[in-house]
Amino acid sequence: MMNSSSGMMKLFDSHCHLQDPRILHLAPQIIRTAMDSGVVHFAVNGVSEKDWSLVKKMSEDYPSSVIPCFGLHPWYILERTPNWFNTLRDLFGSTPSATVGEIGLDKGSHGKQIDFNDQVQVFRQQLELSKELKKPASVHCVRAFGDLLEIMQSMGPFPAGVILHSYLGSAEMVPTLAKLGAYFSFSGYVMDLKPQKAKKMLKSVPTERILLESDAPDALPKSNLDLLQGEATSFQGIQSQETNITGSSNSSAQTLLKGTLNQPVNIHIVLRYIASMLEMPEEELAELSHRNALQLFSSYPGSKLN
């Protein structure tokens, strides 16, 4: 499926971090490799004031494929400057194609070290901004779904959409969140759930709200070759091409290829896993997730997909 250029499945990476310092120097090869495999768009999410300009530049360098997203991630709120919110608002003024993200709430091991009331305040400000600007928002939520739901109910609904990225919440919460405007984006992390739980949750999501993402350089999918089957050869081919591009002396590229870091081409592994869980042909899931993402990322004023 992947190697036929005419009938290639199109995929949309709804959430990644190609500006991350671990992979930024490899971004041109990573983007080319992914595009050669059918990944046509990348929603690149900033996480702090320090990387917003990198995301903006990447969007200018790849005008047709990179969608810029600017947000202050809960892990980085302690580093914010007093003027952070004005800087963010001005960025949306100068970059109309941008969406809001990555923003969110975190009560996990890392998030527990950051005052939760402060997280909520920063999150609310950005969610309000996304509503005001009629832009989708990409949301990180770890062990805080009750709080997230409460906030979304108090501020919602969100007609422009709220992307719950790397969704690992319960099946039971899906209908209420969907009613408020949530989309559910799945990365390699879904493969860490018990299969029974993953299947129940995936089947509870309305098909018009399913998105796929890499979350690169994190969320490396479990590289089960039995999941890849026929595609394994194609991936090896892509990787050897990339080795030629980057040169064997580039140790960072080699580390990436050895599978310690994730890259958008691996969204094919996520696609195969979720399609098997939903008992749906891969082509059908690729098509519907691509259509959902196109609709979401083209529905606001200034979108580069219009």
Protein backbone atom coordinates (compact mmCIF):
# COMPACT_ATOMS: atom_id res chain seq x y z
CA MET A 1 0.00 0.00 0.00
CA MET A 2 2.74 2.42 0.98
CA ASN A 3 5.00 2.02 -2.02
CA SER A 4 2.49 2.65 -4.81
CA SER A 5 2.66 6.39 -5.40
CA SER A 6 -0.65 6.53 -7.28
CA GLY A 7 -2.82 4.70 -4.74
CA MET A 8 -0.91 5.68 -1.60
CA MET A 9 -2.92 6.20 1.58
CA LYS A 10 -2.85 9.81 2.74
CA LEU A 11 -2.28 10.41 6.44
CA PHE A 12 -2.36 13.53 8.59
CA ASP A 13 -0.10 13.73 11.67
CA SER A 14 -2.42 15.67 13.99
CA HIS A 15 0.17 16.29 16.72
CA CYS A 16 3.97 16.25 16.69
CA HIS A 17 7.00 18.26 17.84
CA LEU A 18 9.43 18.44 14.92
CA GLN A 19 10.99 21.52 16.55
CA ASP A 20 12.10 19.39 19.54
CA PRO A 21 15.86 19.86 20.07
CA ARG A 22 16.35 16.07 19.93
CA ILE A 23 15.27 15.93 16.28
CA LEU A 24 15.23 19.50 14.92
CA HIS A 25 18.52 19.02 13.02
CA LEU A 26 16.95 16.02 11.26
CA ALA A 27 13.62 17.70 10.43
CA PRO A 28 14.19 17.90 6.63
CA GLN A 29 14.96 14.15 6.37
CA ILE A 30 12.16 13.23 8.81
CA ILE A 31 9.59 15.26 6.85
CA ARG A 32 10.76 13.88 3.49
CA THR A 33 10.65 10.29 4.79
CA ALA A 34 7.14 10.75 6.16
CA MET A 35 5.87 12.46 3.00
CA ASP A 36 7.30 9.67 0.85
CA SER A 37 5.17 7.25 2.89
CA GLY A 38 1.94 9.26 2.45
CA VAL A 39 1.96 11.54 5.53
CA VAL A 40 0.95 14.83 3.88
CA HIS A 41 0.43 17.22 6.81
CA PHE A 42 2.03 17.76 10.22
CA ALA A 43 0.49 19.80 13.05
CA VAL A 44 3.67 20.94 14.82
CA ASN A 45 2.99 21.97 18.43
CA GLY A 46 5.06 24.49 20.33
CA VAL A 47 5.34 24.02 24.10
CA SER A 48 6.96 27.19 25.48
CA GLU A 49 7.91 30.75 24.58
CA LYS A 50 11.38 29.43 23.68
CA ASP A 51 10.25 27.27 20.75
CA TRP A 52 7.36 29.25 19.24
CA SER A 53 9.70 31.02 16.79
CA LEU A 54 11.12 27.63 15.67
CA VAL A 55 7.59 26.36 14.94
CA LYS A 56 6.77 29.58 13.03
CA LYS A 57 9.93 29.22 10.92
CA MET A 58 9.20 25.56 10.18
CA SER A 59 5.73 26.51 9.01
CA GLU A 60 7.27 29.11 6.66
CA ASP A 61 9.85 26.59 5.39
CA TYR A 62 7.11 23.99 4.69
CA PRO A 63 4.15 26.16 3.66
CA SER A 64 1.95 23.37 2.35
CA SER A 65 2.62 20.63 4.90
CA VAL A 66 3.40 22.11 8.35
CA ILE A 67 0.58 23.64 10.38
CA PRO A 68 1.98 25.74 13.24
CA CYS A 69 0.46 25.43 16.72
CA PHE A 70 1.45 27.73 19.59
CA GLY A 71 0.78 27.03 23.24
CA LEU A 72 2.23 26.90 26.71
CA HIS A 73 2.43 23.28 27.89
CA PRO A 74 1.80 22.68 31.62
CA TRP A 75 5.36 21.38 32.14
CA TYR A 76 6.80 24.76 31.09
CA ILE A 77 4.53 27.23 32.87
CA LEU A 78 7.11 28.01 35.58
CA GLU A 79 9.45 29.39 32.89
CA ARG A 80 6.89 31.80 31.45
CA THR A 81 7.65 35.52 31.27
CA PRO A 82 5.19 38.13 32.60
CA ASN A 83 4.35 39.01 28.98
CA TRP A 84 3.80 35.44 27.73
CA PHE A 85 0.10 35.81 26.97
CA ASN A 86 0.52 39.00 24.91
CA THR A 87 3.36 37.33 22.99
CA LEU A 88 1.08 34.38 22.26
CA ARG A 89 -1.85 36.58 21.18
CA ASP A 90 0.47 38.61 18.89
CA LEU A 91 1.78 35.38 17.33
CA PHE A 92 -1.73 34.42 16.27
CA GLY A 93 -2.11 37.91 14.80
CA SER A 94 1.04 37.50 12.70
CA THR A 95 0.45 33.79 11.91
CA PRO A 96 -3.25 33.39 11.00
CA SER A 97 -2.64 29.79 9.84
CA ALA A 98 -1.76 28.73 13.42
CA THR A 99 -3.89 26.79 15.88
CA VAL A 100 -3.60 26.61 19.69
CA GLY A 101 -1.43 23.93 21.26
CA GLU A 102 0.03 22.27 23.14
CA ILE A 103 -1.86 23.30 26.26
CA GLY A 104 -3.26 21.20 29.08
CA LEU A 105 -3.36 19.76 32.58
CA ASP A 106 -1.05 17.22 34.17
CA LYS A 107 -1.29 15.35 37.48
CA GLY A 108 1.21 12.68 36.44
CA SER A 109 4.65 12.22 38.01
CA HIS A 110 6.05 15.29 36.25
CA GLY A 111 2.92 17.42 36.55
CA LYS A 112 2.57 16.79 40.29
CA GLN A 113 5.62 19.01 40.82
CA ILE A 114 3.82 22.01 39.28
CA ASP A 115 1.09 23.89 41.19
CA PHE A 116 -2.22 22.65 39.77
CA ASN A 117 -4.10 25.92 40.32
CA ASP A 118 -1.43 27.65 38.25
CA GLN A 119 -1.83 24.99 35.53
CA VAL A 120 -5.60 25.54 35.49
CA GLN A 121 -5.25 29.32 35.19
CA VAL A 122 -2.80 29.09 32.27
CA PHE A 123 -4.90 26.39 30.58
CA ARG A 124 -8.15 28.36 30.91
CA GLN A 125 -6.59 31.51 29.43
CA GLN A 126 -5.41 29.61 26.37
CA LEU A 127 -8.64 27.66 25.94
CA GLU A 128 -10.58 30.94 26.08
CA LEU A 129 -8.25 32.38 23.46
CA SER A 130 -8.84 29.41 21.15
CA LYS A 131 -12.60 29.92 21.53
CA GLU A 132 -12.34 33.65 20.90
CA LEU A 133 -10.19 33.13 17.78
CA LYS A 134 -12.36 30.18 16.61
CA LYS A 135 -9.27 27.95 16.38
CA PRO A 136 -8.90 24.28 17.38
CA ALA A 137 -6.84 23.63 20.53
CA SER A 138 -4.57 20.61 21.09
CA VAL A 139 -4.82 19.46 24.70
CA HIS A 140 -2.47 17.37 26.87
CA CYS A 141 -4.29 15.65 29.73
CA VAL A 142 -2.61 13.27 32.18
CA ARG A 143 -4.62 11.93 35.14
CA ALA A 144 -6.78 15.06 35.13
CA PHE A 145 -9.77 14.12 32.99
CA GLY A 146 -12.28 15.01 35.72
CA ASP A 147 -10.81 18.52 35.93
CA LEU A 148 -10.63 18.82 32.14
CA LEU A 149 -14.28 17.84 31.74
CA GLU A 150 -15.37 20.32 34.41
CA ILE A 151 -13.48 23.16 32.70
CA MET A 152 -14.73 22.24 29.22
CA GLN A 153 -18.32 22.05 30.50
CA SER A 154 -18.02 25.45 32.17
CA MET A 155 -16.61 27.08 28.99
CA GLY A 156 -18.05 24.97 26.17
CA PRO A 157 -19.15 23.92 23.71
CA PHE A 158 -16.18 24.29 21.34
CA PRO A 159 -17.42 24.39 17.73
CA ALA A 160 -13.84 24.87 16.40
CA GLY A 161 -12.80 21.62 18.14
CA VAL A 162 -10.61 20.50 21.03
CA ILE A 163 -8.07 17.80 20.15
CA LEU A 164 -7.46 15.45 23.07
CA HIS A 165 -4.02 14.40 21.97
CA SER A 166 -2.69 10.90 22.75
CA TYR A 167 -6.09 10.15 24.30
CA LEU A 168 -5.93 7.46 26.98
CA GLY A 169 -9.06 8.41 28.94
CA SER A 170 -11.99 6.11 29.60
CA ALA A 171 -14.62 4.98 27.10
CA GLU A 172 -17.28 6.31 29.49
CA MET A 173 -16.12 9.94 29.14
CA VAL A 174 -16.05 9.92 25.34
CA PRO A 175 -19.73 10.80 24.61
CA THR A 176 -19.76 13.83 26.96
CA LEU A 177 -16.42 15.11 25.65
CA ALA A 178 -17.50 14.56 22.02
CA LYS A 179 -20.69 16.54 22.63
CA LEU A 180 -18.56 19.48 23.79
CA GLY A 181 -16.53 19.39 20.55
CA ALA A 182 -13.70 16.99 21.39
CA TYR A 183 -11.71 15.05 18.82
CA PHE A 184 -9.71 12.02 19.99
CA SER A 185 -6.19 11.72 18.62
CA PHE A 186 -4.28 8.46 19.00
CA SER A 187 -0.52 7.89 19.14
CA GLY A 188 1.73 4.91 19.88
CA TYR A 189 0.83 5.29 23.58
CA VAL A 190 -2.52 3.58 22.89
CA MET A 191 -0.54 0.36 22.38
CA ASP A 192 0.49 0.50 26.06
CA LEU A 193 -3.11 0.00 27.22
CA LYS A 194 -4.44 -3.49 27.87
CA PRO A 195 -5.92 -4.60 24.53
CA GLN A 196 -9.41 -5.06 26.01
CA LYS A 197 -9.42 -1.52 27.44
CA ALA A 198 -7.97 -0.06 24.22
CA LYS A 199 -10.62 -1.79 22.10
CA LYS A 200 -13.53 -0.64 24.31
CA MET A 201 -12.29 2.95 24.33
CA LEU A 202 -11.54 3.08 20.59
CA LYS A 203 -14.96 1.64 19.73
CA SER A 204 -16.65 4.33 21.85
CA VAL A 205 -15.25 7.17 19.73
CA PRO A 206 -17.50 8.47 16.91
CA THR A 207 -15.70 7.77 13.61
CA GLU A 208 -15.97 11.43 12.60
CA ARG A 209 -13.89 12.37 15.68
CA ILE A 210 -10.91 9.99 15.23
CA LEU A 211 -7.47 11.49 14.51
CA LEU A 212 -4.02 9.88 14.25
CA GLU A 213 -0.75 11.39 15.45
CA SER A 214 2.88 10.49 16.00
CA ASP A 215 3.62 12.82 18.97
CA ALA A 216 7.21 12.58 17.65
CA PRO A 217 9.85 12.41 19.03
CA ASP A 218 7.89 10.72 21.87
CA ALA A 219 5.29 7.92 21.86
CA LEU A 220 7.39 5.49 19.83
CA PRO A 221 4.97 2.68 18.90
CA LYS A 222 5.89 -0.83 19.98
CA SER A 223 7.63 -2.05 16.84
CA ASN A 224 5.98 -5.43 16.65
CA LEU A 225 7.00 -6.77 13.29
CA ASP A 226 3.89 -8.93 13.26
CA LEU A 227 1.93 -5.65 13.22
CA LEU A 228 3.96 -4.45 10.26
CA GLN A 229 3.97 -7.66 8.24
CA GLY A 230 4.30 -6.59 4.60
CA GLU A 231 5.11 -3.02 5.51
CA ALA A 232 8.32 -3.99 7.36
CA THR A 233 10.25 -4.06 4.10
CA SER A 234 9.00 -0.61 3.13
CA PHE A 235 10.02 0.84 6.49
CA GLN A 236 13.49 -0.68 6.16
CA GLY A 237 13.72 0.80 2.67
CA ILE A 238 12.74 4.23 3.97
CA GLN A 239 15.22 3.95 6.80
CA SER A 240 18.11 2.93 4.57
CA GLN A 241 17.31 5.87 2.27
CA GLU A 242 17.43 8.12 5.30
CA THR A 243 20.77 6.68 6.36
CA ASN A 244 22.11 7.59 2.92
CA ILE A 245 20.74 11.13 3.27
CA THR A 246 22.07 11.73 6.77
CA GLY A 247 25.37 9.91 6.34
CA SER A 248 26.53 7.09 8.57
CA SER A 249 28.70 9.39 10.69
CA ASN A 250 25.65 11.22 12.04
CA SER A 251 25.21 9.45 15.36
CA SER A 252 21.94 11.30 16.16
CA ALA A 253 20.37 10.04 12.95
CA GLN A 254 21.50 6.52 13.77
CA THR A 255 20.02 6.78 17.27
CA LEU A 256 16.75 7.93 15.74
CA LEU A 257 16.74 5.04 13.29
CA LYS A 258 17.58 2.50 15.96
CA GLY A 259 14.21 3.32 17.46
CA THR A 260 14.88 5.32 20.61
CA LEU A 261 13.03 8.35 19.22
CA ASN A 262 9.83 8.50 17.23
CA GLN A 263 9.18 10.08 13.83
CA PRO A 264 5.96 10.72 11.86
CA VAL A 265 6.50 7.84 9.39
CA ASN A 266 5.70 5.51 12.33
CA ILE A 267 2.09 6.70 12.26
CA HIS A 268 1.61 3.75 9.88
CA ILE A 269 2.18 1.39 12.83
CA VAL A 270 -0.47 3.25 14.87
CA LEU A 271 -2.85 3.10 11.90
CA ARG A 272 -2.45 -0.65 11.57
CA TYR A 273 -2.96 -1.25 15.30
CA ILE A 274 -6.08 0.91 15.60
CA ALA A 275 -7.57 -0.49 12.38
CA SER A 276 -7.15 -4.01 13.80
CA MET A 277 -8.80 -2.97 17.09
CA LEU A 278 -11.73 -1.37 15.24
CA GLU A 279 -11.90 -4.34 12.83
CA MET A 280 -11.76 -1.86 9.97
CA PRO A 281 -9.64 -1.89 6.78
CA GLU A 282 -6.54 0.28 7.14
CA GLU A 283 -7.45 2.22 3.99
CA GLU A 284 -10.81 3.15 5.49
CA LEU A 285 -9.30 4.35 8.77
CA ALA A 286 -6.59 6.30 6.91
CA GLU A 287 -9.22 7.97 4.75
CA LEU A 288 -11.59 8.90 7.57
CA SER A 289 -8.86 10.15 9.95
CA HIS A 290 -7.33 12.20 7.12
CA ARG A 291 -10.75 13.67 6.26
CA ASN A 292 -11.47 14.48 9.94
CA ALA A 293 -8.13 16.28 10.32
CA LEU A 294 -8.55 18.20 7.06
CA GLN A 295 -11.97 19.38 8.15
CA LEU A 296 -10.73 20.41 11.60
CA PHE A 297 -7.58 22.19 10.42
CA SER A 298 -9.28 24.00 7.53
CA SER A 299 -12.34 25.31 9.39
CA TYR A 300 -10.88 28.48 10.93
CA PRO A 301 -10.16 31.87 9.30
CA GLY A 302 -6.59 31.99 7.95
CA SER A 303 -6.05 28.23 7.64
CA LYS A 304 -3.41 27.32 5.03
CA LEU A 305 -5.53 24.30 4.01
CA ASN A 306 -8.33 26.39 2.50
